[in-house]
Amino acid sequence: FDFTQAASSLREAGQTGSVRVVGNLPYNISSPLLVHLL
């Protein structure tokens, strides 16, 4: 997933503050997902 897409969509909806990512990550993909988020 391109996380800039979600960040831009929230800005268009009026949310202009900091981008913050949260989640209960599936353990079987946690390491590659953390690398992807880099």
PDB file of all heavy atoms in Angstrom:
ATOM      1  N   PHE A   1       0.825  -1.205   0.000  1.00  0.00           N
ATOM      2  CA  PHE A   1       0.000   0.000   0.000  1.00  0.00           C
ATOM      3  C   PHE A   1       0.861   1.259   0.000  1.00  0.00           C
ATOM      4  O   PHE A   1       1.897   1.325   0.674  1.00  0.00           O
ATOM      5  CB  PHE A   1      -0.914  -0.002   1.228  1.00  0.00           C
ATOM      6  CG  PHE A   1      -1.858   1.164   1.292  1.00  0.00           C
ATOM      7  CD1 PHE A   1      -2.886   1.293   0.379  1.00  0.00           C
ATOM      8  CD2 PHE A   1      -1.718   2.137   2.275  1.00  0.00           C
ATOM      9  CE1 PHE A   1      -3.761   2.361   0.432  1.00  0.00           C
ATOM     10  CE2 PHE A   1      -2.587   3.201   2.349  1.00  0.00           C
ATOM     11  CZ  PHE A   1      -3.616   3.326   1.422  1.00  0.00           C
ATOM     12  N   ASP A   2       0.411   2.262  -0.770  1.00  0.00           N
ATOM     13  CA  ASP A   2       1.061   3.568  -0.795  1.00  0.00           C
ATOM     14  C   ASP A   2       0.425   4.432   0.297  1.00  0.00           C
ATOM     15  O   ASP A   2      -0.687   4.944   0.132  1.00  0.00           O
ATOM     16  CB  ASP A   2       0.880   4.216  -2.165  1.00  0.00           C
ATOM     17  CG  ASP A   2       1.558   5.574  -2.277  1.00  0.00           C
ATOM     18  OD1 ASP A   2       2.103   6.066  -1.251  1.00  0.00           O
ATOM     19  OD2 ASP A   2       1.537   6.159  -3.367  1.00  0.00           O
ATOM     20  N   PHE A   3       1.129   4.601   1.408  1.00  0.00           N
ATOM     21  CA  PHE A   3       0.552   5.318   2.550  1.00  0.00           C
ATOM     22  C   PHE A   3       0.417   6.818   2.307  1.00  0.00           C
ATOM     23  O   PHE A   3      -0.300   7.497   3.046  1.00  0.00           O
ATOM     24  CB  PHE A   3       1.369   5.028   3.813  1.00  0.00           C
ATOM     25  CG  PHE A   3       1.100   3.661   4.380  1.00  0.00           C
ATOM     26  CD1 PHE A   3       1.758   2.541   3.885  1.00  0.00           C
ATOM     27  CD2 PHE A   3       0.159   3.480   5.374  1.00  0.00           C
ATOM     28  CE1 PHE A   3       1.494   1.272   4.377  1.00  0.00           C
ATOM     29  CE2 PHE A   3      -0.117   2.217   5.885  1.00  0.00           C
ATOM     30  CZ  PHE A   3       0.553   1.109   5.382  1.00  0.00           C
ATOM     31  N   THR A   4       1.059   7.340   1.274  1.00  0.00           N
ATOM     32  CA  THR A   4       0.840   8.744   0.935  1.00  0.00           C
ATOM     33  C   THR A   4      -0.596   8.948   0.457  1.00  0.00           C
ATOM     34  O   THR A   4      -1.157  10.036   0.611  1.00  0.00           O
ATOM     35  CB  THR A   4       1.814   9.212  -0.157  1.00  0.00           C
ATOM     36  OG1 THR A   4       1.633   8.429  -1.340  1.00  0.00           O
ATOM     37  CG2 THR A   4       3.255   9.091   0.304  1.00  0.00           C
ATOM     38  N   GLN A   5      -1.194   7.903  -0.107  1.00  0.00           N
ATOM     39  CA  GLN A   5      -2.573   7.981  -0.578  1.00  0.00           C
ATOM     40  C   GLN A   5      -3.523   8.257   0.586  1.00  0.00           C
ATOM     41  O   GLN A   5      -4.403   9.120   0.500  1.00  0.00           O
ATOM     42  CB  GLN A   5      -2.947   6.675  -1.277  1.00  0.00           C
ATOM     43  CG  GLN A   5      -4.355   6.653  -1.862  1.00  0.00           C
ATOM     44  CD  GLN A   5      -4.681   5.320  -2.515  1.00  0.00           C
ATOM     45  OE1 GLN A   5      -3.831   4.434  -2.617  1.00  0.00           O
ATOM     46  NE2 GLN A   5      -5.920   5.161  -2.954  1.00  0.00           N
ATOM     47  N   ALA A   6      -3.357   7.521   1.677  1.00  0.00           N
ATOM     48  CA  ALA A   6      -4.211   7.724   2.845  1.00  0.00           C
ATOM     49  C   ALA A   6      -3.948   9.090   3.486  1.00  0.00           C
ATOM     50  O   ALA A   6      -4.882   9.780   3.906  1.00  0.00           O
ATOM     51  CB  ALA A   6      -3.986   6.610   3.857  1.00  0.00           C
ATOM     52  N   ALA A   7      -2.684   9.476   3.569  1.00  0.00           N
ATOM     53  CA  ALA A   7      -2.342  10.769   4.165  1.00  0.00           C
ATOM     54  C   ALA A   7      -2.954  11.914   3.370  1.00  0.00           C
ATOM     55  O   ALA A   7      -3.493  12.876   3.948  1.00  0.00           O
ATOM     56  CB  ALA A   7      -0.830  10.920   4.244  1.00  0.00           C
ATOM     57  N   SER A   8      -2.888  11.824   2.050  1.00  0.00           N
ATOM     58  CA  SER A   8      -3.457  12.875   1.192  1.00  0.00           C
ATOM     59  C   SER A   8      -4.972  12.919   1.306  1.00  0.00           C
ATOM     60  O   SER A   8      -5.571  14.002   1.340  1.00  0.00           O
ATOM     61  CB  SER A   8      -3.047  12.637  -0.262  1.00  0.00           C
ATOM     62  OG  SER A   8      -1.649  12.702  -0.414  1.00  0.00           O
ATOM     63  N   SER A   9      -5.595  11.749   1.389  1.00  0.00           N
ATOM     64  CA  SER A   9      -7.044  11.690   1.504  1.00  0.00           C
ATOM     65  C   SER A   9      -7.526  12.335   2.801  1.00  0.00           C
ATOM     66  O   SER A   9      -8.534  13.058   2.814  1.00  0.00           O
ATOM     67  CB  SER A   9      -7.501  10.231   1.443  1.00  0.00           C
ATOM     68  OG  SER A   9      -8.908  10.139   1.536  1.00  0.00           O
ATOM     69  N   LEU A  10      -6.798  12.110   3.885  1.00  0.00           N
ATOM     70  CA  LEU A  10      -7.168  12.732   5.160  1.00  0.00           C
ATOM     71  C   LEU A  10      -6.982  14.233   5.109  1.00  0.00           C
ATOM     72  O   LEU A  10      -7.771  15.003   5.687  1.00  0.00           O
ATOM     73  CB  LEU A  10      -6.342  12.120   6.293  1.00  0.00           C
ATOM     74  CG  LEU A  10      -6.723  10.694   6.700  1.00  0.00           C
ATOM     75  CD1 LEU A  10      -5.707  10.119   7.655  1.00  0.00           C
ATOM     76  CD2 LEU A  10      -8.123  10.654   7.324  1.00  0.00           C
ATOM     77  N   ARG A  11      -5.931  14.691   4.428  1.00  0.00           N
ATOM     78  CA  ARG A  11      -5.726  16.136   4.294  1.00  0.00           C
ATOM     79  C   ARG A  11      -6.897  16.769   3.534  1.00  0.00           C
ATOM     80  O   ARG A  11      -7.387  17.848   3.897  1.00  0.00           O
ATOM     81  CB  ARG A  11      -4.414  16.432   3.581  1.00  0.00           C
ATOM     82  CG  ARG A  11      -4.124  17.928   3.424  1.00  0.00           C
ATOM     83  CD  ARG A  11      -2.821  18.184   2.719  1.00  0.00           C
ATOM     84  NE  ARG A  11      -1.682  17.843   3.557  1.00  0.00           N
ATOM     85  CZ  ARG A  11      -1.182  18.630   4.495  1.00  0.00           C
ATOM     86  NH1 ARG A  11      -1.744  19.816   4.747  1.00  0.00           N
ATOM     87  NH2 ARG A  11      -0.146  18.255   5.200  1.00  0.00           N
ATOM     88  N   GLU A  12      -7.331  16.103   2.482  1.00  0.00           N
ATOM     89  CA  GLU A  12      -8.465  16.608   1.707  1.00  0.00           C
ATOM     90  C   GLU A  12      -9.734  16.658   2.542  1.00  0.00           C
ATOM     91  O   GLU A  12     -10.627  17.477   2.292  1.00  0.00           O
ATOM     92  CB  GLU A  12      -8.679  15.730   0.475  1.00  0.00           C
ATOM     93  CG  GLU A  12      -7.559  15.850  -0.554  1.00  0.00           C
ATOM     94  CD  GLU A  12      -7.670  14.820  -1.656  1.00  0.00           C
ATOM     95  OE1 GLU A  12      -8.669  14.047  -1.653  1.00  0.00           O
ATOM     96  OE2 GLU A  12      -6.779  14.772  -2.525  1.00  0.00           O
ATOM     97  N   ALA A  13      -9.809  15.784   3.553  1.00  0.00           N
ATOM     98  CA  ALA A  13     -10.981  15.763   4.438  1.00  0.00           C
ATOM     99  C   ALA A  13     -10.863  16.778   5.575  1.00  0.00           C
ATOM    100  O   ALA A  13     -11.749  16.862   6.429  1.00  0.00           O
ATOM    101  CB  ALA A  13     -11.168  14.369   5.021  1.00  0.00           C
ATOM    102  N   GLY A  14      -9.765  17.544   5.607  1.00  0.00           N
ATOM    103  CA  GLY A  14      -9.611  18.584   6.609  1.00  0.00           C
ATOM    104  C   GLY A  14      -8.662  18.274   7.738  1.00  0.00           C
ATOM    105  O   GLY A  14      -8.420  19.117   8.603  1.00  0.00           O
ATOM    106  N   GLN A  15      -8.115  17.045   7.753  1.00  0.00           N
ATOM    107  CA  GLN A  15      -7.133  16.681   8.777  1.00  0.00           C
ATOM    108  C   GLN A  15      -5.744  17.104   8.273  1.00  0.00           C
ATOM    109  O   GLN A  15      -5.214  16.521   7.338  1.00  0.00           O
ATOM    110  CB  GLN A  15      -7.162  15.180   9.042  1.00  0.00           C
ATOM    111  CG  GLN A  15      -8.488  14.646   9.563  1.00  0.00           C
ATOM    112  CD  GLN A  15      -8.874  15.218  10.900  1.00  0.00           C
ATOM    113  OE1 GLN A  15      -9.716  16.098  10.958  1.00  0.00           O
ATOM    114  NE2 GLN A  15      -8.278  14.741  11.968  1.00  0.00           N
ATOM    115  N   THR A  16      -5.174  18.109   8.889  1.00  0.00           N
ATOM    116  CA  THR A  16      -3.915  18.680   8.382  1.00  0.00           C
ATOM    117  C   THR A  16      -2.752  18.498   9.357  1.00  0.00           C
ATOM    118  O   THR A  16      -1.677  19.049   9.147  1.00  0.00           O
ATOM    119  CB  THR A  16      -4.086  20.175   8.076  1.00  0.00           C
ATOM    120  OG1 THR A  16      -4.525  20.849   9.267  1.00  0.00           O
ATOM    121  CG2 THR A  16      -5.101  20.386   6.966  1.00  0.00           C
ATOM    122  N   GLY A  17      -2.976  17.718  10.413  1.00  0.00           N
ATOM    123  CA  GLY A  17      -1.926  17.536  11.409  1.00  0.00           C
ATOM    124  C   GLY A  17      -0.949  16.441  11.032  1.00  0.00           C
ATOM    125  O   GLY A  17      -0.823  16.045   9.860  1.00  0.00           O
ATOM    126  N   SER A  18      -0.256  15.933  12.018  1.00  0.00           N
ATOM    127  CA  SER A  18       0.794  14.939  11.813  1.00  0.00           C
ATOM    128  C   SER A  18       0.208  13.614  11.322  1.00  0.00           C
ATOM    129  O   SER A  18      -0.885  13.208  11.718  1.00  0.00           O
ATOM    130  CB  SER A  18       1.552  14.695  13.118  1.00  0.00           C
ATOM    131  OG  SER A  18       2.147  15.884  13.590  1.00  0.00           O
ATOM    132  N   VAL A  19       0.969  12.931  10.455  1.00  0.00           N
ATOM    133  CA  VAL A  19       0.608  11.591  10.012  1.00  0.00           C
ATOM    134  C   VAL A  19       1.127  10.593  11.045  1.00  0.00           C
ATOM    135  O   VAL A  19       2.320  10.571  11.363  1.00  0.00           O
ATOM    136  CB  VAL A  19       1.202  11.270   8.637  1.00  0.00           C
ATOM    137  CG1 VAL A  19       0.870   9.837   8.232  1.00  0.00           C
ATOM    138  CG2 VAL A  19       0.678  12.245   7.594  1.00  0.00           C
ATOM    139  N   ARG A  20       0.234   9.786  11.568  1.00  0.00           N
ATOM    140  CA  ARG A  20       0.591   8.835  12.611  1.00  0.00           C
ATOM    141  C   ARG A  20      -0.020   7.488  12.253  1.00  0.00           C
ATOM    142  O   ARG A  20      -1.190   7.403  11.887  1.00  0.00           O
ATOM    143  CB  ARG A  20       0.094   9.323  13.973  1.00  0.00           C
ATOM    144  CG  ARG A  20       0.484  10.791  14.250  1.00  0.00           C
ATOM    145  CD  ARG A  20       0.026  11.276  15.602  1.00  0.00           C
ATOM    146  NE  ARG A  20       0.763  10.603  16.665  1.00  0.00           N
ATOM    147  CZ  ARG A  20       0.433  10.705  17.954  1.00  0.00           C
ATOM    148  NH1 ARG A  20      -0.640  11.406  18.318  1.00  0.00           N
ATOM    149  NH2 ARG A  20       1.147  10.089  18.866  1.00  0.00           N
ATOM    150  N   VAL A  21       0.782   6.441  12.364  1.00  0.00           N
ATOM    151  CA  VAL A  21       0.356   5.108  11.939  1.00  0.00           C
ATOM    152  C   VAL A  21       0.254   4.208  13.163  1.00  0.00           C
ATOM    153  O   VAL A  21       1.146   4.204  14.027  1.00  0.00           O
ATOM    154  CB  VAL A  21       1.337   4.518  10.913  1.00  0.00           C
ATOM    155  CG1 VAL A  21       0.845   3.157  10.426  1.00  0.00           C
ATOM    156  CG2 VAL A  21       1.504   5.464   9.726  1.00  0.00           C
ATOM    157  N   VAL A  22      -0.824   3.451  13.238  1.00  0.00           N
ATOM    158  CA  VAL A  22      -1.062   2.573  14.388  1.00  0.00           C
ATOM    159  C   VAL A  22      -1.573   1.229  13.894  1.00  0.00           C
ATOM    160  O   VAL A  22      -2.022   1.102  12.753  1.00  0.00           O
ATOM    161  CB  VAL A  22      -2.087   3.193  15.370  1.00  0.00           C
ATOM    162  CG1 VAL A  22      -1.648   4.586  15.802  1.00  0.00           C
ATOM    163  CG2 VAL A  22      -3.473   3.262  14.736  1.00  0.00           C
ATOM    164  N   GLY A  23      -1.518   0.220  14.755  1.00  0.00           N
ATOM    165  CA  GLY A  23      -2.126  -1.035  14.366  1.00  0.00           C
ATOM    166  C   GLY A  23      -1.704  -2.227  15.197  1.00  0.00           C
ATOM    167  O   GLY A  23      -0.629  -2.245  15.793  1.00  0.00           O
ATOM    168  N   ASN A  24      -2.603  -3.198  15.218  1.00  0.00           N
ATOM    169  CA  ASN A  24      -2.324  -4.531  15.748  1.00  0.00           C
ATOM    170  C   ASN A  24      -1.896  -5.349  14.541  1.00  0.00           C
ATOM    171  O   ASN A  24      -2.723  -5.870  13.797  1.00  0.00           O
ATOM    172  CB  ASN A  24      -3.584  -5.103  16.408  1.00  0.00           C
ATOM    173  CG  ASN A  24      -3.453  -6.559  16.798  1.00  0.00           C
ATOM    174  OD1 ASN A  24      -2.354  -7.103  16.891  1.00  0.00           O
ATOM    175  ND2 ASN A  24      -4.587  -7.210  17.014  1.00  0.00           N
ATOM    176  N   LEU A  25      -0.583  -5.431  14.300  1.00  0.00           N
ATOM    177  CA  LEU A  25      -0.096  -5.993  13.048  1.00  0.00           C
ATOM    178  C   LEU A  25      -0.115  -7.518  13.067  1.00  0.00           C
ATOM    179  O   LEU A  25       0.245  -8.139  14.072  1.00  0.00           O
ATOM    180  CB  LEU A  25       1.344  -5.529  12.779  1.00  0.00           C
ATOM    181  CG  LEU A  25       1.573  -4.022  12.669  1.00  0.00           C
ATOM    182  CD1 LEU A  25       3.000  -3.753  12.196  1.00  0.00           C
ATOM    183  CD2 LEU A  25       0.567  -3.362  11.735  1.00  0.00           C
ATOM    184  N   PRO A  26      -0.509  -8.132  11.953  1.00  0.00           N
ATOM    185  CA  PRO A  26      -0.391  -9.592  11.847  1.00  0.00           C
ATOM    186  C   PRO A  26       1.063 -10.006  12.043  1.00  0.00           C
ATOM    187  O   PRO A  26       1.961  -9.454  11.400  1.00  0.00           O
ATOM    188  CB  PRO A  26      -0.864  -9.882  10.412  1.00  0.00           C
ATOM    189  CG  PRO A  26      -1.699  -8.692  10.040  1.00  0.00           C
ATOM    190  CD  PRO A  26      -1.074  -7.533  10.734  1.00  0.00           C
ATOM    191  N   TYR A  27       1.298 -10.941  12.930  1.00  0.00           N
ATOM    192  CA  TYR A  27       2.675 -11.283  13.287  1.00  0.00           C
ATOM    193  C   TYR A  27       3.452 -11.891  12.124  1.00  0.00           C
ATOM    194  O   TYR A  27       4.668 -11.772  12.049  1.00  0.00           O
ATOM    195  CB  TYR A  27       2.679 -12.243  14.478  1.00  0.00           C
ATOM    196  CG  TYR A  27       2.115 -11.635  15.747  1.00  0.00           C
ATOM    197  CD1 TYR A  27       1.737 -12.431  16.817  1.00  0.00           C
ATOM    198  CD2 TYR A  27       1.949 -10.248  15.873  1.00  0.00           C
ATOM    199  CE1 TYR A  27       1.205 -11.873  17.989  1.00  0.00           C
ATOM    200  CE2 TYR A  27       1.422  -9.698  17.022  1.00  0.00           C
ATOM    201  CZ  TYR A  27       1.053 -10.505  18.075  1.00  0.00           C
ATOM    202  OH  TYR A  27       0.535  -9.951  19.218  1.00  0.00           O
ATOM    203  N   ASN A  28       2.730 -12.527  11.182  1.00  0.00           N
ATOM    204  CA  ASN A  28       3.423 -13.194  10.086  1.00  0.00           C
ATOM    205  C   ASN A  28       3.943 -12.228   9.023  1.00  0.00           C
ATOM    206  O   ASN A  28       4.710 -12.622   8.149  1.00  0.00           O
ATOM    207  CB  ASN A  28       2.516 -14.249   9.435  1.00  0.00           C
ATOM    208  CG  ASN A  28       1.195 -13.679   8.956  1.00  0.00           C
ATOM    209  OD1 ASN A  28       0.781 -12.589   9.345  1.00  0.00           O
ATOM    210  ND2 ASN A  28       0.510 -14.417   8.106  1.00  0.00           N
ATOM    211  N   ILE A  29       3.540 -10.958   9.076  1.00  0.00           N
ATOM    212  CA  ILE A  29       4.047  -9.987   8.095  1.00  0.00           C
ATOM    213  C   ILE A  29       4.676  -8.766   8.762  1.00  0.00           C
ATOM    214  O   ILE A  29       5.006  -7.790   8.080  1.00  0.00           O
ATOM    215  CB  ILE A  29       2.938  -9.513   7.135  1.00  0.00           C
ATOM    216  CG1 ILE A  29       1.851  -8.736   7.896  1.00  0.00           C
ATOM    217  CG2 ILE A  29       2.352 -10.683   6.357  1.00  0.00           C
ATOM    218  CD1 ILE A  29       0.962  -7.908   7.003  1.00  0.00           C
ATOM    219  N   SER A  30       4.848  -8.793  10.075  1.00  0.00           N
ATOM    220  CA  SER A  30       5.259  -7.579  10.782  1.00  0.00           C
ATOM    221  C   SER A  30       6.619  -7.058  10.326  1.00  0.00           C
ATOM    222  O   SER A  30       6.780  -5.849  10.078  1.00  0.00           O
ATOM    223  CB  SER A  30       5.253  -7.800  12.291  1.00  0.00           C
ATOM    224  OG  SER A  30       6.091  -8.871  12.654  1.00  0.00           O
ATOM    225  N   SER A  31       7.612  -7.932  10.181  1.00  0.00           N
ATOM    226  CA  SER A  31       8.945  -7.461   9.798  1.00  0.00           C
ATOM    227  C   SER A  31       8.966  -6.850   8.403  1.00  0.00           C
ATOM    228  O   SER A  31       9.445  -5.722   8.217  1.00  0.00           O
ATOM    229  CB  SER A  31       9.976  -8.584   9.920  1.00  0.00           C
ATOM    230  OG  SER A  31      10.147  -8.955  11.273  1.00  0.00           O
ATOM    231  N   PRO A  32       8.453  -7.550   7.362  1.00  0.00           N
ATOM    232  CA  PRO A  32       8.440  -6.917   6.046  1.00  0.00           C
ATOM    233  C   PRO A  32       7.592  -5.658   5.985  1.00  0.00           C
ATOM    234  O   PRO A  32       7.905  -4.724   5.224  1.00  0.00           O
ATOM    235  CB  PRO A  32       7.904  -8.006   5.113  1.00  0.00           C
ATOM    236  CG  PRO A  32       7.270  -9.018   5.992  1.00  0.00           C
ATOM    237  CD  PRO A  32       8.000  -8.957   7.292  1.00  0.00           C
ATOM    238  N   LEU A  33       6.536  -5.589   6.779  1.00  0.00           N
ATOM    239  CA  LEU A  33       5.711  -4.389   6.786  1.00  0.00           C
ATOM    240  C   LEU A  33       6.469  -3.204   7.387  1.00  0.00           C
ATOM    241  O   LEU A  33       6.394  -2.075   6.885  1.00  0.00           O
ATOM    242  CB  LEU A  33       4.416  -4.647   7.558  1.00  0.00           C
ATOM    243  CG  LEU A  33       3.412  -3.502   7.609  1.00  0.00           C
ATOM    244  CD1 LEU A  33       3.098  -2.962   6.222  1.00  0.00           C
ATOM    245  CD2 LEU A  33       2.129  -3.961   8.303  1.00  0.00           C
ATOM    246  N   LEU A  34       7.213  -3.445   8.450  1.00  0.00           N
ATOM    247  CA  LEU A  34       8.019  -2.378   9.041  1.00  0.00           C
ATOM    248  C   LEU A  34       9.075  -1.882   8.054  1.00  0.00           C
ATOM    249  O   LEU A  34       9.358  -0.676   7.990  1.00  0.00           O
ATOM    250  CB  LEU A  34       8.684  -2.882  10.322  1.00  0.00           C
ATOM    251  CG  LEU A  34       7.743  -3.145  11.499  1.00  0.00           C
ATOM    252  CD1 LEU A  34       8.472  -3.896  12.606  1.00  0.00           C
ATOM    253  CD2 LEU A  34       7.153  -1.848  12.028  1.00  0.00           C
ATOM    254  N   VAL A  35       9.642  -2.788   7.283  1.00  0.00           N
ATOM    255  CA  VAL A  35      10.614  -2.390   6.257  1.00  0.00           C
ATOM    256  C   VAL A  35       9.913  -1.586   5.158  1.00  0.00           C
ATOM    257  O   VAL A  35      10.433  -0.569   4.684  1.00  0.00           O
ATOM    258  CB  VAL A  35      11.321  -3.627   5.675  1.00  0.00           C
ATOM    259  CG1 VAL A  35      12.219  -3.231   4.500  1.00  0.00           C
ATOM    260  CG2 VAL A  35      12.159  -4.314   6.759  1.00  0.00           C
ATOM    261  N   HIS A  36       8.726  -2.020   4.744  1.00  0.00           N
ATOM    262  CA  HIS A  36       7.955  -1.297   3.729  1.00  0.00           C
ATOM    263  C   HIS A  36       7.667   0.134   4.174  1.00  0.00           C
ATOM    264  O   HIS A  36       7.757   1.084   3.381  1.00  0.00           O
ATOM    265  CB  HIS A  36       6.654  -2.045   3.450  1.00  0.00           C
ATOM    266  CG  HIS A  36       5.715  -1.338   2.521  1.00  0.00           C
ATOM    267  ND1 HIS A  36       6.018  -1.056   1.206  1.00  0.00           N
ATOM    268  CD2 HIS A  36       4.463  -0.833   2.735  1.00  0.00           C
ATOM    269  CE1 HIS A  36       5.000  -0.427   0.633  1.00  0.00           C
ATOM    270  NE2 HIS A  36       4.043  -0.278   1.546  1.00  0.00           N
ATOM    271  N   LEU A  37       7.341   0.307   5.442  1.00  0.00           N
ATOM    272  CA  LEU A  37       6.998   1.634   5.954  1.00  0.00           C
ATOM    273  C   LEU A  37       8.193   2.585   5.984  1.00  0.00           C
ATOM    274  O   LEU A  37       8.007   3.803   6.074  1.00  0.00           O
ATOM    275  CB  LEU A  37       6.399   1.502   7.357  1.00  0.00           C
ATOM    276  CG  LEU A  37       4.947   1.004   7.398  1.00  0.00           C
ATOM    277  CD1 LEU A  37       4.581   0.531   8.793  1.00  0.00           C
ATOM    278  CD2 LEU A  37       3.990   2.106   6.948  1.00  0.00           C
ATOM    279  N   LEU A  38       9.402   2.049   5.891  1.00  0.00           N
ATOM    280  CA  LEU A  38      10.587   2.920   5.891  1.00  0.00           C
ATOM    281  C   LEU A  38      10.542   3.941   4.766  1.00  0.00           C
ATOM    282  O   LEU A  38      11.038   5.064   4.919  1.00  0.00           O
ATOM    283  CB  LEU A  38      11.861   2.083   5.766  1.00  0.00           C
ATOM    284  CG  LEU A  38      12.482   1.561   7.051  1.00  0.00           C
ATOM    285  CD1 LEU A  38      13.618   0.595   6.734  1.00  0.00           C
ATOM    286  CD2 LEU A  38      12.986   2.710   7.918  1.00  0.00           C
TER     287      LEU A  38
END
